[in-house]
Amino acid sequence: MKKQIFPKEIIENIVEVHQFKHTNKSKIIYSFILLALIVALISLPFINVTIYNTSEGLIRPDKERILLESSNSGKVIFHKLKNNLQVNKGDTLWLLVI
């Protein structure tokens, strides 16, 4: 019987044993997965997906519009109304002559 030069533990970790364990079947599976990933990455720029969302709703302004009504009718002799004018409670907005 031949005497082994290397112990069993070292022989299990050499390149020849590794290549024997991982046969062509493993290489084919690895190649197929690698090819599928490459094809998927190359096809990404050509994939077109339309995104469309619909929903029912009501578009409203940020602040509600307030209707000012006078309890009396008459002629306006003075008004202090301008667009986007901030008013406080008790401010005189117009004067009416009845």
PDB file of N, CA and C in Angstrom:
ATOM      1  N   MET A   1       0.833  -1.177   0.000  1.00  0.00           N
ATOM      2  CA  MET A   1       0.000   0.000   0.000  1.00  0.00           C
ATOM      3  C   MET A   1       0.878   1.241   0.000  1.00  0.00           C
ATOM      4  N   LYS A   2       0.448   2.264  -0.771  1.00  0.00           N
ATOM      5  CA  LYS A   2       1.218   3.493  -0.872  1.00  0.00           C
ATOM      6  C   LYS A   2       1.053   4.327   0.384  1.00  0.00           C
ATOM      7  N   LYS A   3       2.079   4.985   0.712  1.00  0.00           N
ATOM      8  CA  LYS A   3       2.025   5.898   1.847  1.00  0.00           C
ATOM      9  C   LYS A   3       1.584   7.270   1.327  1.00  0.00           C
ATOM     10  N   GLN A   4       0.577   7.879   1.988  1.00  0.00           N
ATOM     11  CA  GLN A   4       0.093   9.191   1.568  1.00  0.00           C
ATOM     12  C   GLN A   4       1.080  10.268   1.991  1.00  0.00           C
ATOM     13  N   ILE A   5       1.339  11.168   1.052  1.00  0.00           N
ATOM     14  CA  ILE A   5       2.257  12.271   1.349  1.00  0.00           C
ATOM     15  C   ILE A   5       1.553  13.325   2.192  1.00  0.00           C
ATOM     16  N   PHE A   6       0.295  13.635   1.807  1.00  0.00           N
ATOM     17  CA  PHE A   6      -0.471  14.659   2.523  1.00  0.00           C
ATOM     18  C   PHE A   6      -1.553  14.005   3.364  1.00  0.00           C
ATOM     19  N   PRO A   7      -1.862  14.571   4.505  1.00  0.00           N
ATOM     20  CA  PRO A   7      -2.960  14.021   5.305  1.00  0.00           C
ATOM     21  C   PRO A   7      -4.315  14.255   4.635  1.00  0.00           C
ATOM     22  N   LYS A   8      -5.307  13.510   5.097  1.00  0.00           N
ATOM     23  CA  LYS A   8      -6.652  13.555   4.514  1.00  0.00           C
ATOM     24  C   LYS A   8      -7.264  14.953   4.604  1.00  0.00           C
ATOM     25  N   GLU A   9      -7.036  15.680   5.687  1.00  0.00           N
ATOM     26  CA  GLU A   9      -7.616  17.012   5.878  1.00  0.00           C
ATOM     27  C   GLU A   9      -7.125  18.002   4.823  1.00  0.00           C
ATOM     28  N   ILE A  10      -5.873  17.889   4.440  1.00  0.00           N
ATOM     29  CA  ILE A  10      -5.317  18.800   3.433  1.00  0.00           C
ATOM     30  C   ILE A  10      -5.809  18.416   2.045  1.00  0.00           C
ATOM     31  N   ILE A  11      -5.904  17.131   1.771  1.00  0.00           N
ATOM     32  CA  ILE A  11      -6.332  16.674   0.443  1.00  0.00           C
ATOM     33  C   ILE A  11      -7.772  17.101   0.154  1.00  0.00           C
ATOM     34  N   GLU A  12      -8.623  17.176   1.166  1.00  0.00           N
ATOM     35  CA  GLU A  12     -10.019  17.575   0.954  1.00  0.00           C
ATOM     36  C   GLU A  12     -10.152  19.034   0.529  1.00  0.00           C
ATOM     37  N   ASN A  13      -9.125  19.842   0.748  1.00  0.00           N
ATOM     38  CA  ASN A  13      -9.211  21.270   0.454  1.00  0.00           C
ATOM     39  C   ASN A  13      -8.346  21.708  -0.726  1.00  0.00           C
ATOM     40  N   ILE A  14      -7.961  20.799  -1.597  1.00  0.00           N
ATOM     41  CA  ILE A  14      -7.147  21.192  -2.744  1.00  0.00           C
ATOM     42  C   ILE A  14      -8.051  21.469  -3.944  1.00  0.00           C
ATOM     43  N   VAL A  15      -7.474  22.094  -4.969  1.00  0.00           N
ATOM     44  CA  VAL A  15      -8.224  22.524  -6.149  1.00  0.00           C
ATOM     45  C   VAL A  15      -8.830  21.347  -6.900  1.00  0.00           C
ATOM     46  N   GLU A  16      -8.125  20.281  -7.022  1.00  0.00           N
ATOM     47  CA  GLU A  16      -8.619  19.133  -7.780  1.00  0.00           C
ATOM     48  C   GLU A  16      -9.894  18.559  -7.166  1.00  0.00           C
ATOM     49  N   VAL A  17      -9.930  18.488  -5.846  1.00  0.00           N
ATOM     50  CA  VAL A  17     -11.130  17.972  -5.168  1.00  0.00           C
ATOM     51  C   VAL A  17     -12.287  18.952  -5.341  1.00  0.00           C
ATOM     52  N   HIS A  18     -11.990  20.235  -5.255  1.00  0.00           N
ATOM     53  CA  HIS A  18     -13.030  21.261  -5.427  1.00  0.00           C
ATOM     54  C   HIS A  18     -13.642  21.173  -6.828  1.00  0.00           C
ATOM     55  N   GLN A  19     -12.802  21.035  -7.857  1.00  0.00           N
ATOM     56  CA  GLN A  19     -13.311  20.929  -9.224  1.00  0.00           C
ATOM     57  C   GLN A  19     -14.110  19.645  -9.425  1.00  0.00           C
ATOM     58  N   PHE A  20     -13.730  18.586  -8.765  1.00  0.00           N
ATOM     59  CA  PHE A  20     -14.459  17.331  -8.880  1.00  0.00           C
ATOM     60  C   PHE A  20     -15.845  17.449  -8.238  1.00  0.00           C
ATOM     61  N   LYS A  21     -15.922  18.123  -7.082  1.00  0.00           N
ATOM     62  CA  LYS A  21     -17.217  18.273  -6.393  1.00  0.00           C
ATOM     63  C   LYS A  21     -18.172  19.169  -7.177  1.00  0.00           C
ATOM     64  N   HIS A  22     -17.645  20.231  -7.753  1.00  0.00           N
ATOM     65  CA  HIS A  22     -18.475  21.180  -8.498  1.00  0.00           C
ATOM     66  C   HIS A  22     -18.350  20.872  -9.983  1.00  0.00           C
ATOM     67  N   THR A  23     -19.209  20.014 -10.436  1.00  0.00           N
ATOM     68  CA  THR A  23     -19.132  19.513 -11.805  1.00  0.00           C
ATOM     69  C   THR A  23     -19.742  20.508 -12.780  1.00  0.00           C
ATOM     70  N   ASN A  24     -19.889  20.061 -14.023  1.00  0.00           N
ATOM     71  CA  ASN A  24     -20.449  20.898 -15.083  1.00  0.00           C
ATOM     72  C   ASN A  24     -21.891  21.290 -14.801  1.00  0.00           C
ATOM     73  N   LYS A  25     -22.610  20.460 -14.067  1.00  0.00           N
ATOM     74  CA  LYS A  25     -24.005  20.771 -13.753  1.00  0.00           C
ATOM     75  C   LYS A  25     -24.090  22.077 -12.959  1.00  0.00           C
ATOM     76  N   SER A  26     -23.211  22.244 -11.989  1.00  0.00           N
ATOM     77  CA  SER A  26     -23.187  23.475 -11.200  1.00  0.00           C
ATOM     78  C   SER A  26     -22.789  24.662 -12.060  1.00  0.00           C
ATOM     79  N   LYS A  27     -21.849  24.460 -12.972  1.00  0.00           N
ATOM     80  CA  LYS A  27     -21.416  25.541 -13.852  1.00  0.00           C
ATOM     81  C   LYS A  27     -22.536  25.969 -14.788  1.00  0.00           C
ATOM     82  N   ILE A  28     -23.337  25.007 -15.253  1.00  0.00           N
ATOM     83  CA  ILE A  28     -24.454  25.327 -16.146  1.00  0.00           C
ATOM     84  C   ILE A  28     -25.496  26.157 -15.402  1.00  0.00           C
ATOM     85  N   ILE A  29     -25.816  25.776 -14.179  1.00  0.00           N
ATOM     86  CA  ILE A  29     -26.790  26.539 -13.382  1.00  0.00           C
ATOM     87  C   ILE A  29     -26.273  27.946 -13.120  1.00  0.00           C
ATOM     88  N   TYR A  30     -25.006  28.063 -12.752  1.00  0.00           N
ATOM     89  CA  TYR A  30     -24.403  29.374 -12.497  1.00  0.00           C
ATOM     90  C   TYR A  30     -24.423  30.231 -13.763  1.00  0.00           C
ATOM     91  N   SER A  31     -24.082  29.644 -14.892  1.00  0.00           N
ATOM     92  CA  SER A  31     -24.071  30.387 -16.159  1.00  0.00           C
ATOM     93  C   SER A  31     -25.473  30.841 -16.537  1.00  0.00           C
ATOM     94  N   PHE A  32     -26.465  29.982 -16.328  1.00  0.00           N
ATOM     95  CA  PHE A  32     -27.844  30.336 -16.651  1.00  0.00           C
ATOM     96  C   PHE A  32     -28.327  31.508 -15.793  1.00  0.00           C
ATOM     97  N   ILE A  33     -28.063  31.475 -14.499  1.00  0.00           N
ATOM     98  CA  ILE A  33     -28.481  32.563 -13.604  1.00  0.00           C
ATOM     99  C   ILE A  33     -27.760  33.859 -13.973  1.00  0.00           C
ATOM    100  N   LEU A  34     -26.476  33.775 -14.257  1.00  0.00           N
ATOM    101  CA  LEU A  34     -25.702  34.956 -14.639  1.00  0.00           C
ATOM    102  C   LEU A  34     -26.215  35.542 -15.949  1.00  0.00           C
ATOM    103  N   LEU A  35     -26.522  34.699 -16.916  1.00  0.00           N
ATOM    104  CA  LEU A  35     -27.057  35.159 -18.194  1.00  0.00           C
ATOM    105  C   LEU A  35     -28.428  35.812 -18.010  1.00  0.00           C
ATOM    106  N   ALA A  36     -29.276  35.230 -17.165  1.00  0.00           N
ATOM    107  CA  ALA A  36     -30.600  35.802 -16.915  1.00  0.00           C
ATOM    108  C   ALA A  36     -30.487  37.188 -16.283  1.00  0.00           C
ATOM    109  N   LEU A  37     -29.563  37.361 -15.354  1.00  0.00           N
ATOM    110  CA  LEU A  37     -29.365  38.675 -14.732  1.00  0.00           C
ATOM    111  C   LEU A  37     -28.860  39.705 -15.739  1.00  0.00           C
ATOM    112  N   ILE A  38     -27.946  39.298 -16.587  1.00  0.00           N
ATOM    113  CA  ILE A  38     -27.416  40.226 -17.596  1.00  0.00           C
ATOM    114  C   ILE A  38     -28.509  40.633 -18.577  1.00  0.00           C
ATOM    115  N   VAL A  39     -29.315  39.679 -19.025  1.00  0.00           N
ATOM    116  CA  VAL A  39     -30.418  39.984 -19.945  1.00  0.00           C
ATOM    117  C   VAL A  39     -31.430  40.910 -19.270  1.00  0.00           C
ATOM    118  N   ALA A  40     -31.733  40.671 -18.007  1.00  0.00           N
ATOM    119  CA  ALA A  40     -32.679  41.525 -17.287  1.00  0.00           C
ATOM    120  C   ALA A  40     -32.152  42.950 -17.167  1.00  0.00           C
ATOM    121  N   LEU A  41     -30.884  43.110 -16.863  1.00  0.00           N
ATOM    122  CA  LEU A  41     -30.308  44.450 -16.741  1.00  0.00           C
ATOM    123  C   LEU A  41     -30.254  45.173 -18.083  1.00  0.00           C
ATOM    124  N   ILE A  42     -29.955  44.449 -19.142  1.00  0.00           N
ATOM    125  CA  ILE A  42     -29.899  45.074 -20.468  1.00  0.00           C
ATOM    126  C   ILE A  42     -31.295  45.472 -20.941  1.00  0.00           C
ATOM    127  N   SER A  43     -32.318  44.699 -20.592  1.00  0.00           N
ATOM    128  CA  SER A  43     -33.676  44.989 -21.068  1.00  0.00           C
ATOM    129  C   SER A  43     -34.375  46.093 -20.274  1.00  0.00           C
ATOM    130  N   LEU A  44     -33.833  46.521 -19.151  1.00  0.00           N
ATOM    131  CA  LEU A  44     -34.489  47.553 -18.340  1.00  0.00           C
ATOM    132  C   LEU A  44     -34.766  48.860 -19.090  1.00  0.00           C
ATOM    133  N   PRO A  45     -33.850  49.398 -19.896  1.00  0.00           N
ATOM    134  CA  PRO A  45     -34.173  50.653 -20.592  1.00  0.00           C
ATOM    135  C   PRO A  45     -35.293  50.513 -21.619  1.00  0.00           C
ATOM    136  N   PHE A  46     -35.568  49.310 -22.075  1.00  0.00           N
ATOM    137  CA  PHE A  46     -36.579  49.106 -23.106  1.00  0.00           C
ATOM    138  C   PHE A  46     -37.964  48.811 -22.538  1.00  0.00           C
ATOM    139  N   ILE A  47     -38.074  48.620 -21.246  1.00  0.00           N
ATOM    140  CA  ILE A  47     -39.364  48.327 -20.627  1.00  0.00           C
ATOM    141  C   ILE A  47     -40.073  49.642 -20.360  1.00  0.00           C
ATOM    142  N   ASN A  48     -41.304  49.758 -20.832  1.00  0.00           N
ATOM    143  CA  ASN A  48     -42.081  50.982 -20.677  1.00  0.00           C
ATOM    144  C   ASN A  48     -43.368  50.647 -19.934  1.00  0.00           C
ATOM    145  N   VAL A  49     -43.576  51.291 -18.808  1.00  0.00           N
ATOM    146  CA  VAL A  49     -44.775  51.069 -18.015  1.00  0.00           C
ATOM    147  C   VAL A  49     -45.479  52.408 -17.857  1.00  0.00           C
ATOM    148  N   THR A  50     -46.744  52.461 -18.248  1.00  0.00           N
ATOM    149  CA  THR A  50     -47.498  53.704 -18.080  1.00  0.00           C
ATOM    150  C   THR A  50     -48.131  53.710 -16.700  1.00  0.00           C
ATOM    151  N   ILE A  51     -47.960  54.812 -16.031  1.00  0.00           N
ATOM    152  CA  ILE A  51     -48.520  54.967 -14.690  1.00  0.00           C
ATOM    153  C   ILE A  51     -49.629  56.000 -14.787  1.00  0.00           C
ATOM    154  N   TYR A  52     -50.833  55.608 -14.400  1.00  0.00           N
ATOM    155  CA  TYR A  52     -51.978  56.489 -14.517  1.00  0.00           C
ATOM    156  C   TYR A  52     -52.839  56.304 -13.278  1.00  0.00           C
ATOM    157  N   ASN A  53     -53.128  57.384 -12.623  1.00  0.00           N
ATOM    158  CA  ASN A  53     -53.937  57.350 -11.410  1.00  0.00           C
ATOM    159  C   ASN A  53     -55.155  58.233 -11.584  1.00  0.00           C
ATOM    160  N   THR A  54     -56.297  57.754 -11.189  1.00  0.00           N
ATOM    161  CA  THR A  54     -57.488  58.597 -11.194  1.00  0.00           C
ATOM    162  C   THR A  54     -58.150  58.507  -9.834  1.00  0.00           C
ATOM    163  N   SER A  55     -58.726  59.606  -9.448  1.00  0.00           N
ATOM    164  CA  SER A  55     -59.482  59.612  -8.203  1.00  0.00           C
ATOM    165  C   SER A  55     -60.486  60.745  -8.266  1.00  0.00           C
ATOM    166  N   GLU A  56     -61.601  60.518  -7.645  1.00  0.00           N
ATOM    167  CA  GLU A  56     -62.613  61.556  -7.604  1.00  0.00           C
ATOM    168  C   GLU A  56     -62.337  62.452  -6.413  1.00  0.00           C
ATOM    169  N   GLY A  57     -62.493  63.732  -6.623  1.00  0.00           N
ATOM    170  CA  GLY A  57     -62.243  64.654  -5.532  1.00  0.00           C
ATOM    171  C   GLY A  57     -62.689  66.049  -5.907  1.00  0.00           C
ATOM    172  N   LEU A  58     -62.523  66.939  -4.987  1.00  0.00           N
ATOM    173  CA  LEU A  58     -62.919  68.320  -5.168  1.00  0.00           C
ATOM    174  C   LEU A  58     -61.695  69.187  -4.948  1.00  0.00           C
ATOM    175  N   ILE A  59     -61.406  70.039  -5.915  1.00  0.00           N
ATOM    176  CA  ILE A  59     -60.274  70.953  -5.773  1.00  0.00           C
ATOM    177  C   ILE A  59     -60.788  72.212  -5.099  1.00  0.00           C
ATOM    178  N   ARG A  60     -60.150  72.543  -3.983  1.00  0.00           N
ATOM    179  CA  ARG A  60     -60.581  73.711  -3.218  1.00  0.00           C
ATOM    180  C   ARG A  60     -59.377  74.610  -2.968  1.00  0.00           C
ATOM    181  N   PRO A  61     -59.633  75.910  -2.805  1.00  0.00           N
ATOM    182  CA  PRO A  61     -58.522  76.811  -2.498  1.00  0.00           C
ATOM    183  C   PRO A  61     -58.033  76.594  -1.071  1.00  0.00           C
ATOM    184  N   ASP A  62     -56.843  77.148  -0.776  1.00  0.00           N
ATOM    185  CA  ASP A  62     -56.284  77.010   0.567  1.00  0.00           C
ATOM    186  C   ASP A  62     -57.191  77.639   1.617  1.00  0.00           C
ATOM    187  N   LYS A  63     -57.698  78.802   1.297  1.00  0.00           N
ATOM    188  CA  LYS A  63     -58.579  79.499   2.239  1.00  0.00           C
ATOM    189  C   LYS A  63     -59.960  79.612   1.615  1.00  0.00           C
ATOM    190  N   GLU A  64     -60.970  79.458   2.434  1.00  0.00           N
ATOM    191  CA  GLU A  64     -62.343  79.540   1.941  1.00  0.00           C
ATOM    192  C   GLU A  64     -62.704  80.984   1.611  1.00  0.00           C
ATOM    193  N   ARG A  65     -63.505  81.144   0.598  1.00  0.00           N
ATOM    194  CA  ARG A  65     -63.980  82.464   0.207  1.00  0.00           C
ATOM    195  C   ARG A  65     -65.162  82.823   1.098  1.00  0.00           C
ATOM    196  N   ILE A  66     -65.128  84.017   1.657  1.00  0.00           N
ATOM    197  CA  ILE A  66     -66.183  84.454   2.576  1.00  0.00           C
ATOM    198  C   ILE A  66     -67.012  85.528   1.883  1.00  0.00           C
ATOM    199  N   LEU A  67     -68.315  85.360   1.897  1.00  0.00           N
ATOM    200  CA  LEU A  67     -69.230  86.310   1.285  1.00  0.00           C
ATOM    201  C   LEU A  67     -69.627  87.352   2.326  1.00  0.00           C
ATOM    202  N   LEU A  68     -69.422  88.625   1.992  1.00  0.00           N
ATOM    203  CA  LEU A  68     -69.806  89.717   2.892  1.00  0.00           C
ATOM    204  C   LEU A  68     -71.144  90.272   2.435  1.00  0.00           C
ATOM    205  N   GLU A  69     -72.080  90.327   3.342  1.00  0.00           N
ATOM    206  CA  GLU A  69     -73.400  90.868   3.028  1.00  0.00           C
ATOM    207  C   GLU A  69     -73.755  91.935   4.048  1.00  0.00           C
ATOM    208  N   SER A  70     -74.377  92.962   3.551  1.00  0.00           N
ATOM    209  CA  SER A  70     -74.831  94.036   4.433  1.00  0.00           C
ATOM    210  C   SER A  70     -76.308  93.822   4.732  1.00  0.00           C
ATOM    211  N   SER A  71     -76.688  94.137   5.951  1.00  0.00           N
ATOM    212  CA  SER A  71     -78.103  93.984   6.307  1.00  0.00           C
ATOM    213  C   SER A  71     -78.951  95.113   5.728  1.00  0.00           C
ATOM    214  N   ASN A  72     -78.320  96.223   5.348  1.00  0.00           N
ATOM    215  CA  ASN A  72     -79.028  97.363   4.748  1.00  0.00           C
ATOM    216  C   ASN A  72     -78.509  97.586   3.335  1.00  0.00           C
ATOM    217  N   SER A  73     -79.367  98.125   2.483  1.00  0.00           N
ATOM    218  CA  SER A  73     -78.927  98.472   1.136  1.00  0.00           C
ATOM    219  C   SER A  73     -78.701  99.975   1.077  1.00  0.00           C
ATOM    220  N   GLY A  74     -77.799 100.407   0.220  1.00  0.00           N
ATOM    221  CA  GLY A  74     -77.520 101.832   0.093  1.00  0.00           C
ATOM    222  C   GLY A  74     -76.376 102.053  -0.877  1.00  0.00           C
ATOM    223  N   LYS A  75     -75.841 103.299  -0.855  1.00  0.00           N
ATOM    224  CA  LYS A  75     -74.765 103.689  -1.754  1.00  0.00           C
ATOM    225  C   LYS A  75     -73.441 103.645  -0.988  1.00  0.00           C
ATOM    226  N   VAL A  76     -72.414 103.049  -1.619  1.00  0.00           N
ATOM    227  CA  VAL A  76     -71.096 102.954  -0.999  1.00  0.00           C
ATOM    228  C   VAL A  76     -70.387 104.288  -1.207  1.00  0.00           C
ATOM    229  N   ILE A  77     -69.966 104.944  -0.091  1.00  0.00           N
ATOM    230  CA  ILE A  77     -69.247 106.212  -0.209  1.00  0.00           C
ATOM    231  C   ILE A  77     -67.757 106.054   0.117  1.00  0.00           C
ATOM    232  N   PHE A  78     -67.382 104.991   0.784  1.00  0.00           N
ATOM    233  CA  PHE A  78     -65.984 104.754   1.117  1.00  0.00           C
ATOM    234  C   PHE A  78     -65.759 103.248   1.177  1.00  0.00           C
ATOM    235  N   HIS A  79     -64.665 102.802   0.580  1.00  0.00           N
ATOM    236  CA  HIS A  79     -64.309 101.383   0.724  1.00  0.00           C
ATOM    237  C   HIS A  79     -62.798 101.256   0.866  1.00  0.00           C
ATOM    238  N   LYS A  80     -62.400 100.290   1.638  1.00  0.00           N
ATOM    239  CA  LYS A  80     -60.980 100.033   1.902  1.00  0.00           C
ATOM    240  C   LYS A  80     -60.673  98.574   1.519  1.00  0.00           C
ATOM    241  N   LEU A  81     -61.192  98.150   0.397  1.00  0.00           N
ATOM    242  CA  LEU A  81     -61.027  96.764  -0.045  1.00  0.00           C
ATOM    243  C   LEU A  81     -59.978  96.681  -1.146  1.00  0.00           C
ATOM    244  N   LYS A  82     -59.043  95.761  -0.989  1.00  0.00           N
ATOM    245  CA  LYS A  82     -58.019  95.483  -1.999  1.00  0.00           C
ATOM    246  C   LYS A  82     -57.824  93.969  -2.052  1.00  0.00           C
ATOM    247  N   ASN A  83     -57.275  93.514  -3.135  1.00  0.00           N
ATOM    248  CA  ASN A  83     -56.978  92.078  -3.249  1.00  0.00           C
ATOM    249  C   ASN A  83     -55.929  91.672  -2.223  1.00  0.00           C
ATOM    250  N   ASN A  84     -56.150  90.526  -1.611  1.00  0.00           N
ATOM    251  CA  ASN A  84     -55.227  89.933  -0.630  1.00  0.00           C
ATOM    252  C   ASN A  84     -54.953  90.830   0.568  1.00  0.00           C
ATOM    253  N   LEU A  85     -55.906  91.669   0.925  1.00  0.00           N
ATOM    254  CA  LEU A  85     -55.764  92.530   2.096  1.00  0.00           C
ATOM    255  C   LEU A  85     -56.172  91.740   3.328  1.00  0.00           C
ATOM    256  N   GLN A  86     -55.301  91.737   4.318  1.00  0.00           N
ATOM    257  CA  GLN A  86     -55.622  91.026   5.555  1.00  0.00           C
ATOM    258  C   GLN A  86     -56.444  91.957   6.439  1.00  0.00           C
ATOM    259  N   VAL A  87     -57.570  91.469   6.899  1.00  0.00           N
ATOM    260  CA  VAL A  87     -58.458  92.278   7.744  1.00  0.00           C
ATOM    261  C   VAL A  87     -58.635  91.596   9.084  1.00  0.00           C
ATOM    262  N   ASN A  88     -58.918  92.406  10.077  1.00  0.00           N
ATOM    263  CA  ASN A  88     -59.158  91.911  11.424  1.00  0.00           C
ATOM    264  C   ASN A  88     -60.591  92.216  11.823  1.00  0.00           C
ATOM    265  N   LYS A  89     -61.017  91.573  12.859  1.00  0.00           N
ATOM    266  CA  LYS A  89     -62.368  91.780  13.351  1.00  0.00           C
ATOM    267  C   LYS A  89     -62.514  93.231  13.813  1.00  0.00           C
ATOM    268  N   GLY A  90     -63.574  93.895  13.356  1.00  0.00           N
ATOM    269  CA  GLY A  90     -63.846  95.277  13.737  1.00  0.00           C
ATOM    270  C   GLY A  90     -63.323  96.302  12.750  1.00  0.00           C
ATOM    271  N   ASP A  91     -62.571  95.901  11.715  1.00  0.00           N
ATOM    272  CA  ASP A  91     -62.080  96.852  10.710  1.00  0.00           C
ATOM    273  C   ASP A  91     -63.248  97.362   9.871  1.00  0.00           C
ATOM    274  N   THR A  92     -63.184  98.642   9.482  1.00  0.00           N
ATOM    275  CA  THR A  92     -64.206  99.232   8.614  1.00  0.00           C
ATOM    276  C   THR A  92     -63.819  98.942   7.173  1.00  0.00           C
ATOM    277  N   LEU A  93     -64.668  98.186   6.486  1.00  0.00           N
ATOM    278  CA  LEU A  93     -64.381  97.817   5.107  1.00  0.00           C
ATOM    279  C   LEU A  93     -65.043  98.778   4.128  1.00  0.00           C
ATOM    280  N   TRP A  94     -66.257  99.242   4.430  1.00  0.00           N
ATOM    281  CA  TRP A  94     -66.942 100.233   3.602  1.00  0.00           C
ATOM    282  C   TRP A  94     -67.951 101.011   4.416  1.00  0.00           C
ATOM    283  N   LEU A  95     -68.312 102.174   3.884  1.00  0.00           N
ATOM    284  CA  LEU A  95     -69.348 103.008   4.502  1.00  0.00           C
ATOM    285  C   LEU A  95     -70.501 103.122   3.523  1.00  0.00           C
ATOM    286  N   LEU A  96     -71.691 102.958   4.042  1.00  0.00           N
ATOM    287  CA  LEU A  96     -72.899 103.025   3.220  1.00  0.00           C
ATOM    288  C   LEU A  96     -73.722 104.250   3.608  1.00  0.00           C
ATOM    289  N   VAL A  97     -74.330 104.886   2.611  1.00  0.00           N
ATOM    290  CA  VAL A  97     -75.309 105.951   2.848  1.00  0.00           C
ATOM    291  C   VAL A  97     -76.661 105.360   2.483  1.00  0.00           C
ATOM    292  N   ILE A  98     -77.522 105.352   3.450  1.00  0.00           N
ATOM    293  CA  ILE A  98     -78.831 104.738   3.252  1.00  0.00           C
ATOM    294  C   ILE A  98     -79.810 105.735   2.678  1.00  0.00           C
TER     295      ILE A  98
END
